[in-house]
């Protein structure tokens, strides 16, 4: 019996310590969650993974609300959830960014190919003496396209892949149209008649 009596104060101390762990705001965990959200935003998660990023910010808000209500256990759970969701959003954004980069690079290549083809069509049309108005229009279009391709390449280097995709699609469509117009204006090649009378 005496040993039980001595054990009771020790148990009371342990219970008090356990209660203290839940009576302190989880400031460290909330700060870590905020840092994870800031890192995810810097990675473009607010644009590339908006759903998961919004869930992270919402969880952090709930953590702060729980702290205000002195429900520190709930605040801790929300803070940990916010950090995990922010990290997930950052990973998702990185994957989508890599895919967007590949698509933008492919679109730039298509635009460059279309420009090269249009330049070849222009030279052929000049040789064939196509209408002057069409040649003037083609030269202007290709000069604009050359400038726009350079701008798109700059945007690519800056990581603005959406701008690259939009610009490259327009450039390619315009150049393909002018190539078609140049082809249509070129006179059909003359064919020699076969089997004509021979001259002695």
C-alpha atoms as a PDB file:
ATOM      1  CA  UNK A   1       0.000   0.000   0.000  1.00  0.00           C
ATOM      2  CA  UNK A   2       2.728   2.560   0.870  1.00  0.00           C
ATOM      3  CA  UNK A   3       4.318   1.982  -2.528  1.00  0.00           C
ATOM      4  CA  UNK A   4       1.000   2.802  -4.188  1.00  0.00           C
ATOM      5  CA  UNK A   5       0.730   5.983  -2.203  1.00  0.00           C
ATOM      6  CA  UNK A   6       4.216   7.037  -3.349  1.00  0.00           C
ATOM      7  CA  UNK A   7       3.285   6.210  -6.988  1.00  0.00           C
ATOM      8  CA  UNK A   8       0.278   8.519  -7.071  1.00  0.00           C
ATOM      9  CA  UNK A   9       2.279  11.796  -7.043  1.00  0.00           C
ATOM     10  CA  UNK A  10       4.486  10.508  -9.872  1.00  0.00           C
ATOM     11  CA  UNK A  11       1.435   9.691 -11.977  1.00  0.00           C
ATOM     12  CA  UNK A  12       0.014  13.111 -11.280  1.00  0.00           C
ATOM     13  CA  UNK A  13       3.230  14.730 -12.505  1.00  0.00           C
ATOM     14  CA  UNK A  14       3.168  12.679 -15.728  1.00  0.00           C
ATOM     15  CA  UNK A  15      -0.446  13.614 -16.355  1.00  0.00           C
ATOM     16  CA  UNK A  16       0.377  17.267 -15.805  1.00  0.00           C
ATOM     17  CA  UNK A  17       3.268  17.090 -18.288  1.00  0.00           C
ATOM     18  CA  UNK A  18       1.083  15.400 -20.900  1.00  0.00           C
ATOM     19  CA  UNK A  19      -1.550  18.076 -20.437  1.00  0.00           C
ATOM     20  CA  UNK A  20       1.072  20.791 -20.798  1.00  0.00           C
ATOM     21  CA  UNK A  21       2.116  19.392 -24.180  1.00  0.00           C
ATOM     22  CA  UNK A  22      -1.405  20.110 -25.459  1.00  0.00           C
ATOM     23  CA  UNK A  23      -1.699  23.426 -23.663  1.00  0.00           C
ATOM     24  CA  UNK A  24       0.990  25.136 -25.740  1.00  0.00           C
ATOM     25  CA  UNK A  25       0.313  26.621 -29.191  1.00  0.00           C
ATOM     26  CA  UNK A  26       2.125  24.646 -31.933  1.00  0.00           C
ATOM     27  CA  UNK A  27       4.054  27.713 -33.066  1.00  0.00           C
ATOM     28  CA  UNK A  28       6.922  25.713 -34.561  1.00  0.00           C
ATOM     29  CA  UNK A  29       4.623  23.521 -36.641  1.00  0.00           C
ATOM     30  CA  UNK A  30       2.626  26.529 -37.843  1.00  0.00           C
ATOM     31  CA  UNK A  31       5.826  28.299 -38.887  1.00  0.00           C
ATOM     32  CA  UNK A  32       6.975  25.187 -40.746  1.00  0.00           C
ATOM     33  CA  UNK A  33       3.624  25.010 -42.524  1.00  0.00           C
ATOM     34  CA  UNK A  34       3.887  28.672 -43.506  1.00  0.00           C
ATOM     35  CA  UNK A  35       7.407  28.116 -44.842  1.00  0.00           C
ATOM     36  CA  UNK A  36       6.196  25.136 -46.896  1.00  0.00           C
ATOM     37  CA  UNK A  37       3.365  27.232 -48.329  1.00  0.00           C
ATOM     38  CA  UNK A  38       5.779  30.050 -49.207  1.00  0.00           C
ATOM     39  CA  UNK A  39       8.064  27.558 -50.955  1.00  0.00           C
ATOM     40  CA  UNK A  40       5.120  26.070 -52.857  1.00  0.00           C
ATOM     41  CA  UNK A  41       4.019  29.518 -53.991  1.00  0.00           C
ATOM     42  CA  UNK A  42       7.552  30.296 -55.171  1.00  0.00           C
ATOM     43  CA  UNK A  43       7.410  27.068 -57.209  1.00  0.00           C
ATOM     44  CA  UNK A  44       4.235  28.278 -58.895  1.00  0.00           C
ATOM     45  CA  UNK A  45       1.897  25.917 -57.049  1.00  0.00           C
ATOM     46  CA  UNK A  46      -0.750  28.625 -56.713  1.00  0.00           C
ATOM     47  CA  UNK A  47      -1.040  28.540 -60.541  1.00  0.00           C
ATOM     48  CA  UNK A  48       0.028  25.016 -61.440  1.00  0.00           C
ATOM     49  CA  UNK A  49      -1.540  23.091 -58.532  1.00  0.00           C
ATOM     50  CA  UNK A  50      -4.270  25.465 -57.340  1.00  0.00           C
ATOM     51  CA  UNK A  51      -6.498  22.897 -55.608  1.00  0.00           C
ATOM     52  CA  UNK A  52      -3.797  21.371 -53.413  1.00  0.00           C
ATOM     53  CA  UNK A  53      -2.285  24.792 -52.724  1.00  0.00           C
ATOM     54  CA  UNK A  54      -5.679  26.172 -51.664  1.00  0.00           C
ATOM     55  CA  UNK A  55      -6.159  23.169 -49.368  1.00  0.00           C
ATOM     56  CA  UNK A  56      -2.795  23.913 -47.738  1.00  0.00           C
ATOM     57  CA  UNK A  57      -3.605  27.569 -47.116  1.00  0.00           C
ATOM     58  CA  UNK A  58      -7.050  26.632 -45.813  1.00  0.00           C
ATOM     59  CA  UNK A  59      -5.536  24.106 -43.387  1.00  0.00           C
ATOM     60  CA  UNK A  60      -3.125  26.750 -42.114  1.00  0.00           C
ATOM     61  CA  UNK A  61      -6.014  29.149 -41.564  1.00  0.00           C
ATOM     62  CA  UNK A  62      -7.856  26.480 -39.581  1.00  0.00           C
ATOM     63  CA  UNK A  63      -4.709  25.943 -37.505  1.00  0.00           C
ATOM     64  CA  UNK A  64      -4.540  29.626 -36.627  1.00  0.00           C
ATOM     65  CA  UNK A  65      -8.271  29.677 -35.864  1.00  0.00           C
ATOM     66  CA  UNK A  66      -7.829  26.692 -33.539  1.00  0.00           C
ATOM     67  CA  UNK A  67      -5.015  28.510 -31.733  1.00  0.00           C
ATOM     68  CA  UNK A  68      -7.313  31.494 -31.238  1.00  0.00           C
ATOM     69  CA  UNK A  69      -9.855  29.103 -29.705  1.00  0.00           C
ATOM     70  CA  UNK A  70      -7.101  27.531 -27.544  1.00  0.00           C
ATOM     71  CA  UNK A  71      -7.658  24.116 -29.107  1.00  0.00           C
ATOM     72  CA  UNK A  72      -3.957  23.417 -29.510  1.00  0.00           C
ATOM     73  CA  UNK A  73      -4.303  19.735 -30.327  1.00  0.00           C
ATOM     74  CA  UNK A  74      -6.590  20.582 -33.275  1.00  0.00           C
ATOM     75  CA  UNK A  75      -4.243  23.404 -34.257  1.00  0.00           C
ATOM     76  CA  UNK A  76      -1.337  20.972 -34.383  1.00  0.00           C
ATOM     77  CA  UNK A  77      -3.260  18.568 -36.614  1.00  0.00           C
ATOM     78  CA  UNK A  78      -4.186  21.354 -39.035  1.00  0.00           C
ATOM     79  CA  UNK A  79      -0.638  22.705 -39.086  1.00  0.00           C
ATOM     80  CA  UNK A  80       0.788  19.293 -39.951  1.00  0.00           C
ATOM     81  CA  UNK A  81      -1.873  18.846 -42.639  1.00  0.00           C
ATOM     82  CA  UNK A  82      -1.074  22.272 -44.091  1.00  0.00           C
ATOM     83  CA  UNK A  83       2.619  21.470 -44.339  1.00  0.00           C
ATOM     84  CA  UNK A  84       1.983  18.099 -46.001  1.00  0.00           C
ATOM     85  CA  UNK A  85      -0.432  19.592 -48.527  1.00  0.00           C
ATOM     86  CA  UNK A  86       1.943  22.438 -49.338  1.00  0.00           C
ATOM     87  CA  UNK A  87       4.749  19.989 -50.038  1.00  0.00           C
ATOM     88  CA  UNK A  88       2.406  17.929 -52.218  1.00  0.00           C
ATOM     89  CA  UNK A  89       1.386  21.069 -54.130  1.00  0.00           C
ATOM     90  CA  UNK A  90       5.023  21.952 -54.730  1.00  0.00           C
ATOM     91  CA  UNK A  91       5.723  18.477 -56.163  1.00  0.00           C
ATOM     92  CA  UNK A  92       2.646  18.632 -58.376  1.00  0.00           C
ATOM     93  CA  UNK A  93       3.654  22.067 -59.636  1.00  0.00           C
ATOM     94  CA  UNK A  94       7.158  20.839 -60.452  1.00  0.00           C
ATOM     95  CA  UNK A  95       5.755  17.979 -62.523  1.00  0.00           C
ATOM     96  CA  UNK A  96       3.367  20.197 -64.425  1.00  0.00           C
ATOM     97  CA  UNK A  97       6.060  22.787 -64.984  1.00  0.00           C
ATOM     98  CA  UNK A  98       8.321  20.154 -66.554  1.00  0.00           C
ATOM     99  CA  UNK A  99       5.486  19.106 -68.864  1.00  0.00           C
ATOM    100  CA  UNK A 100       4.756  22.709 -69.811  1.00  0.00           C
ATOM    101  CA  UNK A 101       8.432  23.215 -70.604  1.00  0.00           C
ATOM    102  CA  UNK A 102       8.435  20.244 -72.970  1.00  0.00           C
ATOM    103  CA  UNK A 103       5.275  21.479 -74.690  1.00  0.00           C
ATOM    104  CA  UNK A 104       6.683  24.995 -75.054  1.00  0.00           C
ATOM    105  CA  UNK A 105       9.942  23.677 -76.483  1.00  0.00           C
ATOM    106  CA  UNK A 106       8.015  21.581 -79.028  1.00  0.00           C
ATOM    107  CA  UNK A 107       5.850  24.588 -79.979  1.00  0.00           C
ATOM    108  CA  UNK A 108       8.941  26.728 -80.510  1.00  0.00           C
ATOM    109  CA  UNK A 109      10.424  24.055 -82.751  1.00  0.00           C
ATOM    110  CA  UNK A 110       7.224  23.943 -84.801  1.00  0.00           C
ATOM    111  CA  UNK A 111       7.262  27.724 -85.187  1.00  0.00           C
ATOM    112  CA  UNK A 112      10.891  27.663 -86.314  1.00  0.00           C
ATOM    113  CA  UNK A 113      10.154  24.926 -88.838  1.00  0.00           C
ATOM    114  CA  UNK A 114       7.175  26.870 -90.190  1.00  0.00           C
ATOM    115  CA  UNK A 115       9.339  29.977 -90.543  1.00  0.00           C
ATOM    116  CA  UNK A 116      12.024  28.106 -92.471  1.00  0.00           C
ATOM    117  CA  UNK A 117       9.406  26.580 -94.783  1.00  0.00           C
ATOM    118  CA  UNK A 118       7.771  29.956 -95.396  1.00  0.00           C
ATOM    119  CA  UNK A 119      11.111  31.540 -96.252  1.00  0.00           C
ATOM    120  CA  UNK A 120      11.728  28.802 -98.831  1.00  0.00           C
ATOM    121  CA  UNK A 121       8.256  29.354-100.295  1.00  0.00           C
ATOM    122  CA  UNK A 122       8.958  33.085-100.532  1.00  0.00           C
ATOM    123  CA  UNK A 123      12.167  32.546-102.470  1.00  0.00           C
ATOM    124  CA  UNK A 124      10.385  30.209-104.883  1.00  0.00           C
ATOM    125  CA  UNK A 125       7.559  32.725-105.324  1.00  0.00           C
ATOM    126  CA  UNK A 126      10.034  35.526-106.008  1.00  0.00           C
ATOM    127  CA  UNK A 127      11.722  33.388-108.674  1.00  0.00           C
ATOM    128  CA  UNK A 128       8.339  32.594-110.211  1.00  0.00           C
ATOM    129  CA  UNK A 129       7.413  36.319-110.208  1.00  0.00           C
ATOM    130  CA  UNK A 130       4.369  35.953-107.975  1.00  0.00           C
ATOM    131  CA  UNK A 131       2.161  39.059-107.529  1.00  0.00           C
ATOM    132  CA  UNK A 132       4.071  41.910-105.914  1.00  0.00           C
ATOM    133  CA  UNK A 133       1.361  42.565-103.312  1.00  0.00           C
ATOM    134  CA  UNK A 134       1.547  38.966-102.094  1.00  0.00           C
ATOM    135  CA  UNK A 135       5.345  39.056-101.925  1.00  0.00           C
ATOM    136  CA  UNK A 136       5.226  42.278 -99.908  1.00  0.00           C
ATOM    137  CA  UNK A 137       2.679  40.791 -97.522  1.00  0.00           C
ATOM    138  CA  UNK A 138       4.757  37.618 -97.127  1.00  0.00           C
ATOM    139  CA  UNK A 139       7.931  39.571 -96.360  1.00  0.00           C
ATOM    140  CA  UNK A 140       6.135  41.645 -93.738  1.00  0.00           C
ATOM    141  CA  UNK A 141       4.542  38.580 -92.170  1.00  0.00           C
ATOM    142  CA  UNK A 142       7.873  36.761 -91.959  1.00  0.00           C
ATOM    143  CA  UNK A 143       9.655  39.759 -90.502  1.00  0.00           C
ATOM    144  CA  UNK A 144       6.974  39.959 -87.789  1.00  0.00           C
ATOM    145  CA  UNK A 145       7.166  36.212 -87.226  1.00  0.00           C
ATOM    146  CA  UNK A 146      10.949  36.332 -86.844  1.00  0.00           C
ATOM    147  CA  UNK A 147      10.598  39.017 -84.191  1.00  0.00           C
ATOM    148  CA  UNK A 148       7.797  37.124 -82.428  1.00  0.00           C
ATOM    149  CA  UNK A 149       9.808  33.894 -82.381  1.00  0.00           C
ATOM    150  CA  UNK A 150      12.668  35.752 -80.693  1.00  0.00           C
ATOM    151  CA  UNK A 151      10.255  37.129 -78.081  1.00  0.00           C
ATOM    152  CA  UNK A 152       8.889  33.630 -77.502  1.00  0.00           C
ATOM    153  CA  UNK A 153      12.410  32.308 -76.971  1.00  0.00           C
ATOM    154  CA  UNK A 154      13.024  35.024 -74.400  1.00  0.00           C
ATOM    155  CA  UNK A 155       9.787  34.056 -72.625  1.00  0.00           C
ATOM    156  CA  UNK A 156      10.941  30.423 -72.685  1.00  0.00           C
ATOM    157  CA  UNK A 157      14.211  31.337 -70.974  1.00  0.00           C
ATOM    158  CA  UNK A 158      12.224  33.253 -68.352  1.00  0.00           C
ATOM    159  CA  UNK A 159      10.021  30.219 -67.722  1.00  0.00           C
ATOM    160  CA  UNK A 160       6.798  31.773 -69.024  1.00  0.00           C
ATOM    161  CA  UNK A 161       5.754  28.628 -70.872  1.00  0.00           C
ATOM    162  CA  UNK A 162       2.095  29.591 -71.219  1.00  0.00           C
ATOM    163  CA  UNK A 163       3.082  32.740 -73.121  1.00  0.00           C
ATOM    164  CA  UNK A 164       5.369  30.637 -75.344  1.00  0.00           C
ATOM    165  CA  UNK A 165       2.588  28.181 -76.186  1.00  0.00           C
ATOM    166  CA  UNK A 166       0.123  30.934 -77.054  1.00  0.00           C
ATOM    167  CA  UNK A 167       2.593  32.925 -79.154  1.00  0.00           C
ATOM    168  CA  UNK A 168       4.089  29.929 -80.957  1.00  0.00           C
ATOM    169  CA  UNK A 169       0.666  28.587 -81.934  1.00  0.00           C
ATOM    170  CA  UNK A 170      -0.277  31.918 -83.537  1.00  0.00           C
ATOM    171  CA  UNK A 171       3.092  32.242 -85.297  1.00  0.00           C
ATOM    172  CA  UNK A 172       2.884  28.727 -86.733  1.00  0.00           C
ATOM    173  CA  UNK A 173      -0.694  29.178 -87.964  1.00  0.00           C
ATOM    174  CA  UNK A 174       0.155  32.519 -89.631  1.00  0.00           C
ATOM    175  CA  UNK A 175       3.247  31.164 -91.347  1.00  0.00           C
ATOM    176  CA  UNK A 176       1.466  28.076 -92.629  1.00  0.00           C
ATOM    177  CA  UNK A 177      -1.235  30.295 -94.094  1.00  0.00           C
ATOM    178  CA  UNK A 178       1.252  32.529 -95.915  1.00  0.00           C
ATOM    179  CA  UNK A 179       3.048  29.431 -97.215  1.00  0.00           C
ATOM    180  CA  UNK A 180      -0.265  28.166 -98.557  1.00  0.00           C
ATOM    181  CA  UNK A 181      -0.956  31.526-100.224  1.00  0.00           C
ATOM    182  CA  UNK A 182       2.489  31.556-101.834  1.00  0.00           C
ATOM    183  CA  UNK A 183       1.981  28.031-103.138  1.00  0.00           C
ATOM    184  CA  UNK A 184      -1.403  28.934-104.564  1.00  0.00           C
ATOM    185  CA  UNK A 185       0.002  31.975-106.362  1.00  0.00           C
ATOM    186  CA  UNK A 186       2.925  30.133-107.955  1.00  0.00           C
ATOM    187  CA  UNK A 187       2.332  29.282-111.633  1.00  0.00           C
ATOM    188  CA  UNK A 188       2.140  25.613-112.522  1.00  0.00           C
ATOM    189  CA  UNK A 189       5.382  24.298-114.033  1.00  0.00           C
ATOM    190  CA  UNK A 190       5.364  23.902-117.773  1.00  0.00           C
ATOM    191  CA  UNK A 191       5.552  20.348-119.112  1.00  0.00           C
ATOM    192  CA  UNK A 192       7.252  19.403-122.371  1.00  0.00           C
ATOM    193  CA  UNK A 193       5.146  17.519-124.835  1.00  0.00           C
ATOM    194  CA  UNK A 194       6.390  14.074-125.598  1.00  0.00           C
ATOM    195  CA  UNK A 195       6.275  12.279-128.929  1.00  0.00           C
ATOM    196  CA  UNK A 196       6.393  15.448-131.066  1.00  0.00           C
ATOM    197  CA  UNK A 197       7.763  15.437-134.560  1.00  0.00           C
ATOM    198  CA  UNK A 198      11.522  15.180-134.839  1.00  0.00           C
ATOM    199  CA  UNK A 199      13.540  17.660-136.789  1.00  0.00           C
ATOM    200  CA  UNK A 200      16.159  16.373-139.190  1.00  0.00           C
END
